[in-house]
Protein backbone atom coordinates (compact mmCIF):
# COMPACT_ATOMS: atom_id res chain seq x y z
CA MET A 1 0.15 -0.06 0.07
CA TYR A 2 1.16 3.57 -0.96
CA ILE A 3 0.37 6.65 1.03
CA LEU A 4 1.50 9.98 -0.32
CA GLY A 5 1.67 12.79 2.50
CA LEU A 6 1.88 16.27 1.20
CA SER A 7 2.25 19.85 2.92
CA CYS A 8 2.32 22.81 0.96
CA PHE A 9 1.01 26.44 0.34
CA TYR A 10 1.81 27.99 3.69
CA HIS A 11 5.56 27.39 4.65
CA ASP A 12 7.82 24.52 3.52
CA ALA A 13 6.23 22.48 0.86
CA ALA A 14 7.25 18.70 0.94
CA ALA A 15 6.13 15.14 -0.02
CA CYS A 16 6.83 11.94 1.71
CA LEU A 17 5.80 8.56 0.61
CA LEU A 18 5.16 5.28 2.72
CA LYS A 19 5.13 1.93 1.46
CA ASP A 20 3.23 -0.60 3.88
CA GLY A 21 3.70 1.97 6.39
CA VAL A 22 7.67 2.66 5.93
CA PRO A 23 8.94 5.97 4.62
CA ILE A 24 10.78 5.24 1.31
CA ALA A 25 11.23 8.74 0.16
CA ALA A 26 10.62 12.15 1.61
CA SER A 27 11.77 15.65 0.42
CA ASP A 28 10.91 19.14 0.71
CA GLN A 29 10.40 21.06 -2.41
CA GLN A 30 13.27 23.67 -2.13
CA ALA A 31 15.94 21.03 -2.70
CA PHE A 32 14.57 20.86 -6.18
CA SER A 33 13.31 24.33 -7.10
CA ARG A 34 16.38 26.04 -5.28
CA LYS A 35 13.76 28.48 -3.67
CA LYS A 36 14.56 28.75 0.02
CA HIS A 37 11.49 27.73 2.07
CA ASP A 38 9.39 27.13 -1.24
CA SER A 39 5.80 26.89 -0.09
CA ASP A 40 4.37 26.07 -3.71
CA PHE A 41 2.65 22.71 -4.78
CA PRO A 42 5.43 20.34 -4.51
CA VAL A 43 5.60 18.75 -8.14
CA GLN A 44 9.40 17.92 -8.17
CA ALA A 45 9.18 16.52 -4.42
CA ILE A 46 6.13 14.41 -5.57
CA ARG A 47 7.64 13.18 -8.64
CA PHE A 48 10.88 12.31 -6.76
CA CYS A 49 8.79 10.19 -4.28
CA LEU A 50 6.91 8.42 -7.18
CA GLU A 51 10.19 7.57 -9.03
CA THR A 52 11.75 6.22 -6.02
CA ALA A 53 8.99 3.92 -5.67
CA GLY A 54 8.86 2.92 -9.14
CA ILE A 55 4.99 3.99 -9.53
CA THR A 56 2.76 6.30 -10.93
CA ALA A 57 0.14 8.39 -9.19
CA ASP A 58 -2.60 6.07 -10.18
CA GLN A 59 -0.93 3.40 -7.89
CA LEU A 60 -1.41 5.52 -4.86
CA ASP A 61 -4.02 4.30 -2.35
CA ALA A 62 -4.44 7.64 -0.81
CA VAL A 63 -3.02 11.24 -0.56
CA ALA A 64 -2.90 12.69 2.90
CA PHE A 65 -2.78 16.55 3.43
CA TYR A 66 -1.10 17.90 6.61
CA ASP A 67 -4.07 20.23 7.70
CA LYS A 68 -7.37 21.46 6.74
CA PRO A 69 -7.62 24.43 4.58
CA LEU A 70 -11.20 25.05 5.06
CA MET A 71 -10.66 25.32 9.06
CA LYS A 72 -7.62 27.71 8.30
CA PHE A 73 -9.71 29.55 5.87
CA ASP A 74 -12.43 30.10 8.78
CA ARG A 75 -9.82 31.40 10.85
CA LEU A 76 -8.42 33.90 8.50
CA LEU A 77 -11.96 34.98 7.41
CA ARG A 78 -13.19 35.63 11.05
CA TYR A 79 -10.21 37.69 12.03
CA GLN A 80 -10.41 39.85 9.02
CA LEU A 81 -13.85 40.32 9.43
CA HIS A 82 -13.56 41.13 13.18
CA HIS A 83 -10.94 43.79 12.47
CA PHE A 84 -13.01 45.24 9.40
CA PRO A 85 -12.55 47.98 8.10
CA SER A 86 -8.98 48.15 9.13
CA THR A 87 -8.31 44.93 7.43
CA TYR A 88 -9.83 46.10 4.16
CA ARG A 89 -6.68 46.20 2.23
CA THR A 90 -5.24 42.95 3.50
CA PHE A 91 -8.51 41.31 2.60
CA VAL A 92 -8.70 42.59 -0.98
CA ASP A 93 -5.20 41.45 -1.45
CA ALA A 94 -4.97 38.29 0.13
CA MET A 95 -8.32 36.48 -0.07
CA PRO A 96 -8.25 35.99 -3.90
CA ARG A 97 -4.83 34.45 -4.05
CA TRP A 98 -5.60 32.44 -1.15
CA ILE A 99 -8.73 30.93 -2.61
CA ALA A 100 -7.13 30.32 -5.93
CA THR A 101 -4.37 28.35 -4.67
CA LYS A 102 -4.99 26.96 -1.23
CA LEU A 103 -8.28 25.18 -1.82
CA ARG A 104 -7.21 23.68 -5.04
CA LEU A 105 -5.17 20.60 -4.14
CA PRO A 106 -7.62 18.11 -5.94
CA LYS A 107 -7.17 20.16 -9.14
CA CYS A 108 -3.28 20.40 -8.73
CA LEU A 109 -3.03 16.85 -8.14
CA LYS A 110 -5.25 15.92 -11.41
CA ASP A 111 -3.49 18.54 -13.44
CA ASN A 112 0.07 17.57 -12.72
CA PHE A 113 -0.39 13.85 -12.25
CA GLY A 114 -3.73 12.76 -13.50
CA TYR A 115 -4.49 11.80 -9.74
CA THR A 116 -8.42 11.52 -8.96
CA GLY A 117 -8.08 9.15 -5.97
CA ALA A 118 -8.75 9.67 -2.33
CA ILE A 119 -7.55 12.82 -0.74
CA LEU A 120 -7.65 12.61 3.08
CA TYR A 121 -7.14 15.93 5.31
CA SER A 122 -5.55 15.82 8.88
CA GLU A 123 -5.48 18.44 11.18
CA HIS A 124 -2.10 20.58 11.40
CA HIS A 125 -1.23 19.65 14.92
CA LEU A 126 -2.32 16.13 14.60
CA SER A 127 0.10 15.67 11.58
CA HIS A 128 2.81 17.15 13.60
CA ALA A 129 2.09 14.88 16.64
CA ALA A 130 1.88 11.77 14.16
CA SER A 131 4.83 12.70 12.56
CA ALA A 132 6.78 12.47 16.20
CA TYR A 133 4.92 9.66 17.79
CA TYR A 134 4.52 7.17 14.93
CA THR A 135 8.31 7.40 14.24
CA SER A 136 9.56 7.38 17.80
CA GLY A 137 9.51 3.47 18.37
CA PHE A 138 7.85 4.24 21.50
CA GLU A 139 5.13 1.87 22.41
CA GLU A 140 3.39 4.76 24.59
CA ALA A 141 4.43 8.39 25.00
CA ALA A 142 3.26 11.84 25.83
CA VAL A 143 3.22 13.96 22.68
CA LEU A 144 3.83 17.85 22.51
CA THR A 145 3.56 20.10 19.36
CA VAL A 146 4.54 23.84 19.22
CA ASP A 147 4.51 26.14 16.50
CA GLY A 148 3.36 29.58 15.05
CA VAL A 149 -0.41 28.43 14.04
CA GLY A 150 -1.97 25.65 12.30
CA GLU A 151 -5.75 25.87 11.61
CA TRP A 152 -6.55 27.30 15.01
CA ALA A 153 -4.05 25.37 17.49
CA THR A 154 -0.49 27.03 18.33
CA ALA A 155 0.33 24.34 20.71
CA SER A 156 -1.16 20.85 21.52
CA TRP A 157 -0.51 17.95 23.78
CA GLY A 158 -1.68 14.55 23.78
CA ARG A 159 -0.99 10.82 24.39
CA GLY A 160 0.00 8.04 22.14
CA LYS A 161 -0.32 4.26 22.91
CA GLY A 162 -0.27 1.51 20.26
CA HIS A 163 -1.89 2.74 17.06
CA ASP A 164 -3.92 5.11 19.02
CA LEU A 165 -3.04 8.74 19.16
CA GLU A 166 -5.04 11.44 20.93
CA LEU A 167 -4.80 15.20 21.45
CA LEU A 168 -6.13 15.94 24.84
CA GLY A 169 -5.64 19.97 24.69
CA GLU A 170 -4.45 22.80 22.98
CA ILE A 171 -3.73 26.61 23.08
CA LYS A 172 -5.59 28.72 20.30
CA PHE A 173 -4.58 31.25 17.95
CA PRO A 174 -3.74 34.37 18.55
CA HIS A 175 -1.92 33.06 21.64
CA SER A 176 1.34 31.67 20.07
CA LEU A 177 4.89 31.09 21.37
CA GLY A 178 6.05 30.32 17.83
CA LEU A 179 4.54 33.94 16.74
CA LEU A 180 5.84 35.55 19.83
CA TYR A 181 9.47 34.25 18.95
CA SER A 182 8.94 35.35 15.46
CA ALA A 183 8.05 38.74 16.88
CA PHE A 184 11.42 38.86 18.48
CA THR A 185 12.90 37.57 15.25
CA TYR A 186 11.68 40.48 13.35
CA TYR A 187 12.57 42.85 16.04
CA CYS A 188 16.16 41.85 16.19
CA GLY A 189 16.41 42.36 12.37
CA PHE A 190 15.99 38.78 10.90
CA LYS A 191 13.30 37.36 8.50
CA VAL A 192 10.18 35.92 10.14
CA ASN A 193 9.73 32.13 9.25
CA SER A 194 13.07 31.86 7.96
CA ALA A 195 15.71 33.13 10.39
CA GLU A 196 14.56 32.09 13.82
CA TYR A 197 17.48 30.00 14.00
CA LYS A 198 19.74 33.06 13.74
CA LEU A 199 18.01 34.63 17.06
CA MET A 200 18.57 31.22 18.74
CA GLY A 201 22.40 31.68 17.88
CA LEU A 202 22.67 35.23 18.74
CA ALA A 203 20.99 34.71 22.45
CA PRO A 204 24.10 33.43 24.15
CA TYR A 205 25.83 36.59 23.53
CA GLY A 206 23.50 38.64 25.44
CA GLN A 207 22.34 38.68 28.94
CA PRO A 208 18.72 38.03 30.36
CA THR A 209 18.17 41.78 31.25
CA MET A 210 14.78 42.07 29.51
CA VAL A 211 12.82 39.03 30.81
CA ASP A 212 10.57 41.22 32.76
CA LYS A 213 9.77 43.31 29.53
CA VAL A 214 9.14 39.78 27.83
CA ARG A 215 6.75 39.02 30.33
CA LYS A 216 4.48 41.96 29.65
CA PHE A 217 3.83 40.48 26.37
CA ILE A 218 3.01 36.82 27.60
CA ASP A 219 1.24 35.38 30.76
CA VAL A 220 2.56 31.80 31.55
CA LYS A 221 0.79 29.66 34.05
CA ASP A 222 2.52 26.78 35.81
CA ASP A 223 1.45 24.22 33.56
CA GLY A 224 3.10 25.99 30.81
CA SER A 225 -0.14 27.24 29.16
CA PHE A 226 -0.05 30.87 28.16
CA ARG A 227 -1.78 34.00 26.81
CA LEU A 228 -0.41 36.79 24.94
CA ASN A 229 -1.43 40.40 25.53
CA MET A 230 -2.65 41.20 22.11
CA GLU A 231 -2.53 44.85 22.69
CA TYR A 232 1.23 44.87 21.54
CA PHE A 233 0.64 42.69 18.25
CA SER A 234 -0.86 43.15 15.09
CA TYR A 235 -0.17 39.58 13.29
CA GLU A 236 -3.60 38.47 13.90
CA ARG A 237 -4.97 41.18 11.49
CA GLY A 238 -2.61 40.09 8.79
CA GLU A 239 -0.31 43.32 9.45
CA ALA A 240 3.23 43.44 10.95
CA MET A 241 4.13 41.15 13.71
CA PHE A 242 3.84 44.03 16.49
CA ASN A 243 2.80 47.69 16.55
CA GLU A 244 4.71 50.60 18.24
CA LYS A 245 3.60 49.85 21.80
CA PHE A 246 5.86 46.82 21.51
CA GLU A 247 8.83 48.97 20.73
CA GLU A 248 7.71 51.30 23.56
CA VAL A 249 8.04 48.59 26.07
CA MET A 250 11.32 47.36 24.54
CA GLY A 251 12.75 51.02 24.72
CA ARG A 252 14.17 51.00 21.10
CA PRO A 253 12.92 50.66 17.60
CA ARG A 254 13.47 47.30 15.75
CA ARG A 255 16.74 46.72 14.14
CA PRO A 256 16.56 47.34 10.45
CA LEU A 257 16.25 44.04 8.50
CA GLU A 258 19.47 42.22 7.88
CA HIS A 259 21.55 45.34 9.25
CA LYS A 260 25.18 44.65 9.34
CA GLY A 261 25.70 46.08 12.90
CA MET A 262 24.69 44.22 16.10
CA ASP A 263 24.97 45.76 19.59
CA ASP A 264 24.27 44.53 22.90
CA PHE A 265 20.75 45.49 23.29
CA TYR A 266 19.60 43.30 20.56
CA MET A 267 21.83 40.37 22.01
CA ASP A 268 19.94 40.87 25.29
CA ALA A 269 16.52 40.96 23.58
CA ALA A 270 17.39 37.63 21.78
CA ARG A 271 18.76 36.22 25.20
CA SER A 272 15.57 37.36 27.26
CA ILE A 273 13.11 35.70 24.73
CA GLN A 274 15.13 32.46 24.70
CA GLU A 275 14.91 32.33 28.41
CA VAL A 276 11.38 32.84 28.54
CA THR A 277 10.85 30.16 25.64
CA ASN A 278 13.10 27.67 27.54
CA GLU A 279 10.85 28.13 30.64
CA ILE A 280 7.70 27.64 28.61
CA MET A 281 8.86 24.52 26.78
CA VAL A 282 10.18 22.96 30.22
CA LYS A 283 6.78 23.64 31.81
CA LEU A 284 4.66 22.32 28.87
CA ALA A 285 6.83 19.06 28.50
CA ARG A 286 6.48 18.44 32.15
CA SER A 287 2.73 18.82 32.25
CA ALA A 288 2.26 17.06 28.87
CA MET A 289 3.91 14.07 30.49
CA GLU A 290 1.92 14.27 33.56
CA ARG A 291 -1.45 14.51 31.68
CA ALA A 292 -0.29 11.46 29.45
CA GLY A 293 1.11 9.44 32.33
CA SER A 294 4.33 8.79 30.68
CA LYS A 295 7.89 9.77 30.80
CA ASN A 296 8.34 9.26 26.98
CA LEU A 297 8.13 12.45 25.20
CA CYS A 298 7.83 12.96 21.43
CA MET A 299 7.86 16.48 20.11
CA ALA A 300 7.16 18.59 16.60
CA GLY A 301 6.29 21.84 15.39
CA GLY A 302 8.55 24.50 14.42
CA VAL A 303 9.40 25.30 18.04
CA ALA A 304 10.64 21.87 18.45
CA LEU A 305 13.38 22.86 16.18
CA ASN A 306 14.74 25.11 19.17
CA CYS A 307 17.29 22.74 20.24
CA VAL A 308 18.39 24.97 22.97
CA ALA A 309 14.88 24.61 24.51
CA ASN A 310 15.13 21.08 23.83
CA GLY A 311 18.17 20.76 25.96
CA HIS A 312 16.40 22.40 28.88
CA ILE A 313 13.52 20.13 28.35
CA LEU A 314 16.30 17.06 28.43
CA ARG A 315 17.92 18.54 31.70
CA ASP A 316 14.97 20.02 33.59
CA SER A 317 11.60 18.51 32.65
CA GLY A 318 12.05 14.94 34.29
CA VAL A 319 11.79 13.33 30.93
CA GLU A 320 13.35 9.77 30.65
CA ASN A 321 13.19 9.41 26.63
CA LEU A 322 12.74 12.42 24.40
CA TYR A 323 12.30 11.94 20.73
CA VAL A 324 12.30 15.07 18.11
CA GLN A 325 11.26 14.47 14.57
CA PRO A 326 14.08 15.44 12.44
CA SER A 327 11.76 17.31 10.06
CA ALA A 328 9.79 19.04 13.04
CA GLY A 329 8.42 21.99 10.98
CA ASP A 330 5.71 22.14 8.40
CA ALA A 331 7.67 20.10 5.82
CA GLY A 332 7.60 17.19 8.50
CA GLY A 333 3.82 17.42 8.37
CA ALA A 334 3.64 15.49 5.06
CA MET A 335 5.19 12.64 6.73
CA GLY A 336 2.83 12.95 9.77
CA ALA A 337 -0.22 13.17 7.51
CA ALA A 338 0.78 10.02 5.79
CA TYR A 339 1.08 8.10 9.26
CA VAL A 340 -2.20 9.45 10.30
CA VAL A 341 -3.87 7.46 7.48
CA TRP A 342 -1.43 4.36 7.91
CA ASN A 343 -1.83 3.95 11.86
CA GLN A 344 -4.71 6.06 12.86
CA LEU A 345 -7.23 5.57 10.22
CA LEU A 346 -6.11 1.97 9.08
CA GLN A 347 -5.16 0.93 12.73
CA ASN A 348 -2.07 -0.65 11.39
CA PRO A 349 0.61 -1.58 14.18
CA VAL A 350 3.04 1.19 14.82
CA GLY A 351 6.37 0.32 13.30
CA PRO A 352 10.03 0.84 14.78
CA ARG A 353 11.87 4.23 15.11
CA LEU A 354 12.35 6.14 11.85
CA PRO A 355 14.92 3.89 10.22
CA THR A 356 16.74 6.78 8.45
CA PRO A 357 16.81 10.31 8.00
CA TYR A 358 18.49 9.84 4.86
CA LEU A 359 15.15 9.91 2.53
CA GLY A 360 15.94 12.33 -0.18
CA ALA A 361 17.35 12.45 -3.69
CA GLY A 362 20.47 10.41 -4.17
CA TYR A 363 22.65 10.16 -7.29
CA ASP A 364 24.80 7.23 -8.29
CA GLU A 365 28.25 7.32 -9.07
CA ALA A 366 27.89 7.34 -12.85
CA GLU A 367 25.51 10.59 -12.47
CA ILE A 368 28.28 12.23 -10.49
CA LYS A 369 31.03 11.51 -12.99
CA LYS A 370 28.80 12.86 -15.55
CA THR A 371 28.32 16.10 -13.93
CA LEU A 372 31.90 16.47 -13.15
CA ASP A 373 32.98 15.68 -16.66
CA ARG A 374 30.40 18.26 -17.86
CA TYR A 375 32.28 20.80 -16.14
CA GLY A 376 35.72 19.60 -16.94
CA ALA A 377 36.40 18.93 -13.32
CA VAL A 378 39.81 17.37 -12.05
CA TYR A 379 39.08 14.51 -9.71
CA LYS A 380 40.48 11.29 -8.31
CA ARG A 381 38.29 8.15 -7.77
CA MET A 382 39.09 6.60 -4.37
CA GLU A 383 37.97 3.58 -2.57
CA LYS A 384 36.06 4.06 0.51
CA ASP A 385 39.03 3.67 2.99
CA GLU A 386 41.44 5.54 0.75
CA LEU A 387 38.95 8.53 0.68
CA CYS A 388 38.17 8.47 4.28
CA THR A 389 41.98 8.46 5.13
CA ARG A 390 42.66 11.19 2.57
CA VAL A 391 40.01 13.53 3.86
CA ALA A 392 40.88 13.04 7.46
CA GLU A 393 44.45 14.08 6.49
CA LEU A 394 43.13 17.19 4.79
CA LEU A 395 41.01 18.11 7.93
CA ASP A 396 44.06 17.54 10.17
CA THR A 397 45.96 20.14 7.90
CA ALA A 398 43.25 23.00 8.34
CA HIS A 399 41.63 22.31 4.89
CA VAL A 400 37.57 22.84 4.32
CA VAL A 401 36.13 19.94 2.67
CA GLY A 402 32.75 19.42 1.13
CA TRP A 403 31.02 16.14 1.70
CA TYR A 404 28.44 15.19 -0.64
CA GLN A 405 27.30 11.43 -0.18
CA GLY A 406 24.44 9.32 -0.54
CA ARG A 407 20.71 10.42 -0.07
CA MET A 408 19.91 13.88 0.95
CA GLU A 409 18.69 14.51 4.71
CA TRP A 410 15.06 14.61 5.63
CA GLY A 411 14.68 17.86 7.49
CA PRO A 412 16.58 21.22 7.68
CA ARG A 413 19.71 19.69 9.33
CA ALA A 414 22.88 18.42 7.21
CA LEU A 415 23.47 15.22 8.96
CA GLY A 416 26.60 14.04 7.17
CA HIS A 417 25.53 13.53 3.55
CA ARG A 418 25.25 17.27 2.47
CA THR A 419 27.82 18.88 4.65
CA ILE A 420 31.00 21.11 4.81
CA LEU A 421 33.59 19.59 7.07
CA GLY A 422 36.47 21.27 9.38
CA ASP A 423 38.62 20.60 12.05
CA ALA A 424 36.80 21.37 15.40
CA ARG A 425 40.29 22.11 17.34
CA HIS A 426 41.38 24.82 14.99
CA PRO A 427 40.88 27.91 16.83
CA GLU A 428 40.21 29.98 13.68
CA MET A 429 37.95 27.39 11.73
CA ARG A 430 34.70 29.10 12.79
CA THR A 431 35.86 32.33 11.41
CA ILE A 432 37.07 30.71 8.25
CA ILE A 433 34.12 28.83 7.40
CA ASN A 434 31.76 31.73 8.22
CA MET A 435 33.60 34.40 6.59
CA ARG A 436 35.10 32.63 3.54
CA ILE A 437 32.64 29.88 2.71
CA LYS A 438 29.11 30.24 4.21
CA PHE A 439 29.39 34.10 4.16
CA ARG A 440 26.96 34.41 7.24
CA GLU A 441 26.99 36.28 10.60
CA GLY A 442 30.29 35.60 12.80
CA PHE A 443 27.86 35.02 15.80
CA ARG A 444 26.50 31.64 14.10
CA PRO A 445 27.76 28.52 15.85
CA PHE A 446 28.77 25.36 14.10
CA ALA A 447 27.72 21.74 15.14
CA PRO A 448 30.16 18.97 16.02
CA SER A 449 29.57 15.63 14.56
CA CYS A 450 30.93 13.28 17.31
CA LEU A 451 31.49 9.52 17.17
CA GLU A 452 28.53 8.13 19.56
CA GLU A 453 30.72 6.12 21.75
CA HIS A 454 32.79 9.20 22.85
CA VAL A 455 30.01 11.64 23.08
CA GLY A 456 30.11 11.49 26.90
CA GLU A 457 33.53 12.13 27.25
CA TYR A 458 33.21 15.72 25.70
CA PHE A 459 29.85 16.77 26.41
CA GLU A 460 27.31 16.86 29.31
CA ILE A 461 24.85 14.55 27.75
CA ASP A 462 24.07 11.00 28.39
CA ARG A 463 22.28 9.88 25.38
CA PRO A 464 22.52 9.90 21.35
CA SER A 465 21.44 13.10 19.47
CA PRO A 466 21.33 11.73 15.96
CA TYR A 467 19.27 14.49 14.45
CA MET A 468 21.30 17.50 15.66
CA LEU A 469 18.29 18.64 17.81
CA LEU A 470 19.76 18.93 21.25
CA VAL A 471 22.11 21.57 22.67
CA ALA A 472 24.28 20.41 25.75
CA PRO A 473 27.26 22.17 27.44
CA VAL A 474 30.82 20.95 26.20
CA LYS A 475 32.74 19.75 29.22
CA GLU A 476 34.86 22.44 30.77
CA GLU A 477 38.30 20.59 30.20
CA HIS A 478 37.51 20.43 26.46
CA ARG A 479 36.17 23.93 25.83
CA GLU A 480 39.61 25.32 24.83
CA GLY A 481 40.64 22.59 22.49
CA LEU A 482 37.18 22.51 20.69
CA LYS A 483 36.85 26.25 20.07
CA ALA A 484 35.56 26.04 16.74
CA ILE A 485 32.35 24.04 17.93
CA THR A 486 31.95 25.68 21.33
CA HIS A 487 29.31 28.45 21.39
CA ILE A 488 30.10 31.58 23.34
CA ASP A 489 28.24 30.13 26.43
CA GLY A 490 30.21 26.81 26.56
CA SER A 491 27.47 24.78 24.65
CA ALA A 492 27.12 22.99 21.29
CA ARG A 493 24.52 21.67 19.17
CA ILE A 494 25.38 17.82 18.90
CA GLN A 495 25.07 15.15 16.45
CA THR A 496 26.32 11.65 17.47
CA ILE A 497 26.98 9.19 14.74
CA ASN A 498 27.18 5.36 14.94
CA GLN A 499 28.02 2.93 12.13
CA ASP A 500 24.64 1.67 11.95
CA GLN A 501 23.23 5.09 11.29
CA ASP A 502 25.81 6.13 8.53
CA ALA A 503 28.62 3.86 7.89
CA LEU A 504 30.68 6.02 5.52
CA TYR A 505 30.42 9.19 7.61
CA TYR A 506 31.26 7.29 10.70
CA ASP A 507 34.15 5.69 8.95
CA LEU A 508 35.44 9.09 7.96
CA ILE A 509 35.16 10.42 11.56
CA LYS A 510 36.75 7.28 12.87
CA ALA A 511 39.58 7.87 10.32
CA PHE A 512 39.98 11.42 11.79
CA TYR A 513 39.97 9.95 15.31
CA ASP A 514 42.64 7.37 14.39
CA ARG A 515 45.02 10.10 13.13
CA THR A 516 44.24 12.83 15.70
CA GLY A 517 42.84 11.25 18.78
CA CYS A 518 39.97 13.70 18.37
CA PRO A 519 36.42 11.83 17.64
CA ILE A 520 34.74 15.20 16.66
CA VAL A 521 34.59 17.25 13.24
CA ILE A 522 32.66 20.35 12.37
CA ASN A 523 29.63 19.63 10.51
CA THR A 524 27.68 22.44 8.52
CA SER A 525 25.28 22.37 5.85
CA LEU A 526 26.48 22.41 2.30
CA ASN A 527 25.31 25.77 1.08
CA VAL A 528 25.89 29.42 1.24
CA ARG A 529 23.71 32.10 2.72
CA GLY A 530 20.31 32.26 1.50
CA GLU A 531 20.40 29.13 -0.49
CA PRO A 532 18.73 25.76 0.54
CA ILE A 533 21.02 22.79 1.07
CA VAL A 534 22.68 21.34 -2.06
CA ASN A 535 20.71 18.58 -3.66
CA THR A 536 22.35 17.44 -7.00
CA PRO A 537 25.79 16.84 -7.77
CA GLU A 538 25.66 19.84 -9.92
CA ASP A 539 24.41 21.85 -6.89
CA SER A 540 27.22 20.63 -5.00
CA TYR A 541 30.06 21.25 -7.56
CA LEU A 542 28.91 25.03 -8.21
CA CYS A 543 28.80 25.54 -4.45
CA PHE A 544 32.40 24.31 -4.30
CA MET A 545 33.57 26.41 -7.16
CA ARG A 546 31.73 29.62 -5.80
CA THR A 547 33.29 29.34 -2.39
CA ASP A 548 36.79 29.06 -0.69
CA MET A 549 36.46 25.55 0.07
CA ASP A 550 39.76 23.66 -0.52
CA ALA A 551 38.27 20.28 -1.63
CA MET A 552 35.18 18.33 -2.32
CA ALA A 553 34.15 14.72 -1.92
CA LEU A 554 31.37 13.75 -4.34
CA GLY A 555 30.64 10.13 -3.72
CA PRO A 556 33.89 8.43 -4.51
CA PHE A 557 35.43 11.26 -6.29
CA LEU A 558 37.89 13.77 -4.49
CA CYS A 559 38.40 17.08 -6.08
CA MET A 560 40.97 19.66 -5.10
CA LYS A 561 40.25 23.36 -5.51
CA GLU A 562 43.73 24.08 -6.99
CA GLU A 563 43.51 21.66 -9.71
CA GLN A 564 39.92 22.81 -10.84
CA PRO A 565 39.60 24.74 -14.34
CA GLU A 566 38.16 28.28 -14.41
CA ILE A 567 34.44 28.42 -15.01
CA GLU A 568 32.28 31.37 -15.69
CA LEU A 569 30.56 31.65 -12.53
CA LYS A 570 29.78 34.36 -10.11
CA SER A 571 31.53 33.84 -6.83
CA ALA A 572 29.60 33.77 -3.64
CA LYS A 573 31.86 36.53 -2.31
CA GLU A 574 31.05 38.77 -5.48
CA GLU A 575 27.34 37.90 -4.96
CA PHE A 576 27.38 39.26 -1.25
CA GLY A 577 29.67 42.36 -2.20
CA LEU A 578 32.60 41.13 -0.12
CA ASP A 579 36.19 42.04 -0.31
């Protein structure tokens, strides 16, 4: 049985295909369109899923959509009318476009794939919950979902047992922790629904001096439930995130969007909203587990990507087993919707934990070679052991290496298949990669990939973190020697690797460990600022040629930068106007 799950039209469009309850393909649309956070109908992602299975759309047993558009339309219309006539211009601009796109899923499927079969609609937060619980491997668990907004819910909690998944309560729009965090993202000069992770990375540079100001915007109860003081916000009317009263409380106007300068004031604002977010998420997690009667906790929704808050949940909530779905945002709802049909509607038994996060597109050796030859690339083909040994040598001698292997990751984190690698011991490596390759803000941290068996030696964590969704302190004695992955507050966003998870990536890091005695490398996504993570071999080679990476391993082929021919290509440095 084939079930296709879809998310689209709002934030991150994606498709996921289950075969007899097992995900065999999953990808967001931006991987193919190269449009970051692409929300359009995911034609290419769907096509990839069908081609992976070797089927056509008429062989699908069902299509599952991750939310209920008519319920969402009801919310939007109610708020437009409630605030009329001040919302007149928004109503005139937005409603025709909304109706023309977001209520036409059956037509999109028919026009693009000839599909006229069953289309089933899950609720937004049920899709989030299903994406986490049904892939967790737990026989029973508490479930917590927190994001900006679905149809009406902005947070929900529930219980999973066997194939049954029940949401027991929710917080409704306009009261939203995700939207409050987005408001501060905008206030600190970053893009909403795109750069919340920048706010999280900025927060450790500040002090929590504005927590009392943040508390004027949100009332938090002991169980984690909350209400926003809406006199400070405008988003419920489809306008700006906040109004002038918000800025009056904060004491300064918002920082201009993507402004180059950053001062202590906005760092303190970032730290303060992060502290409040940590507190709320810990309280919500604790109360979700109490209501469900379980110490197992599954999480999804955009706020579940806040790995700093996840680290606090791990340490402070009393959770015994925590599972966060690797594609916890809206894209992951595509997987959740498919599982709602397979497990809840059809009542099939729950399967094991998500077998792999590497569910995206992959390209074989012949396809990679064809791309390299088309560009006249100079390369050497190596067997696995030779490749791992050579790349480990390059990393040990301060080279930055692109690592393009296997199938693409499911979710926003590069997990060792579409990755830029560096030496975590090198004191200047973070600056080198940020300034010469990623062309991004200097305050942005890099994640360590660590051999799973060594993680407890270097970090204050007692469990694996395979999806890079947990932050933990670097042990005091290792901070000086691991400057490149140690954030300013002494923490790191950890990815652990074992051989079953990814044999080749494990073997690479093991080769580095055998050579240096260090079981850790820098892992950051293979892209430059403003671009999605690379997908095809061509994406990868062009990213390599546009930046100051020293080497690139594409499958078994190793390319050294100094050996490559010149090609007519605008460098990333030129694109961003950098010297």
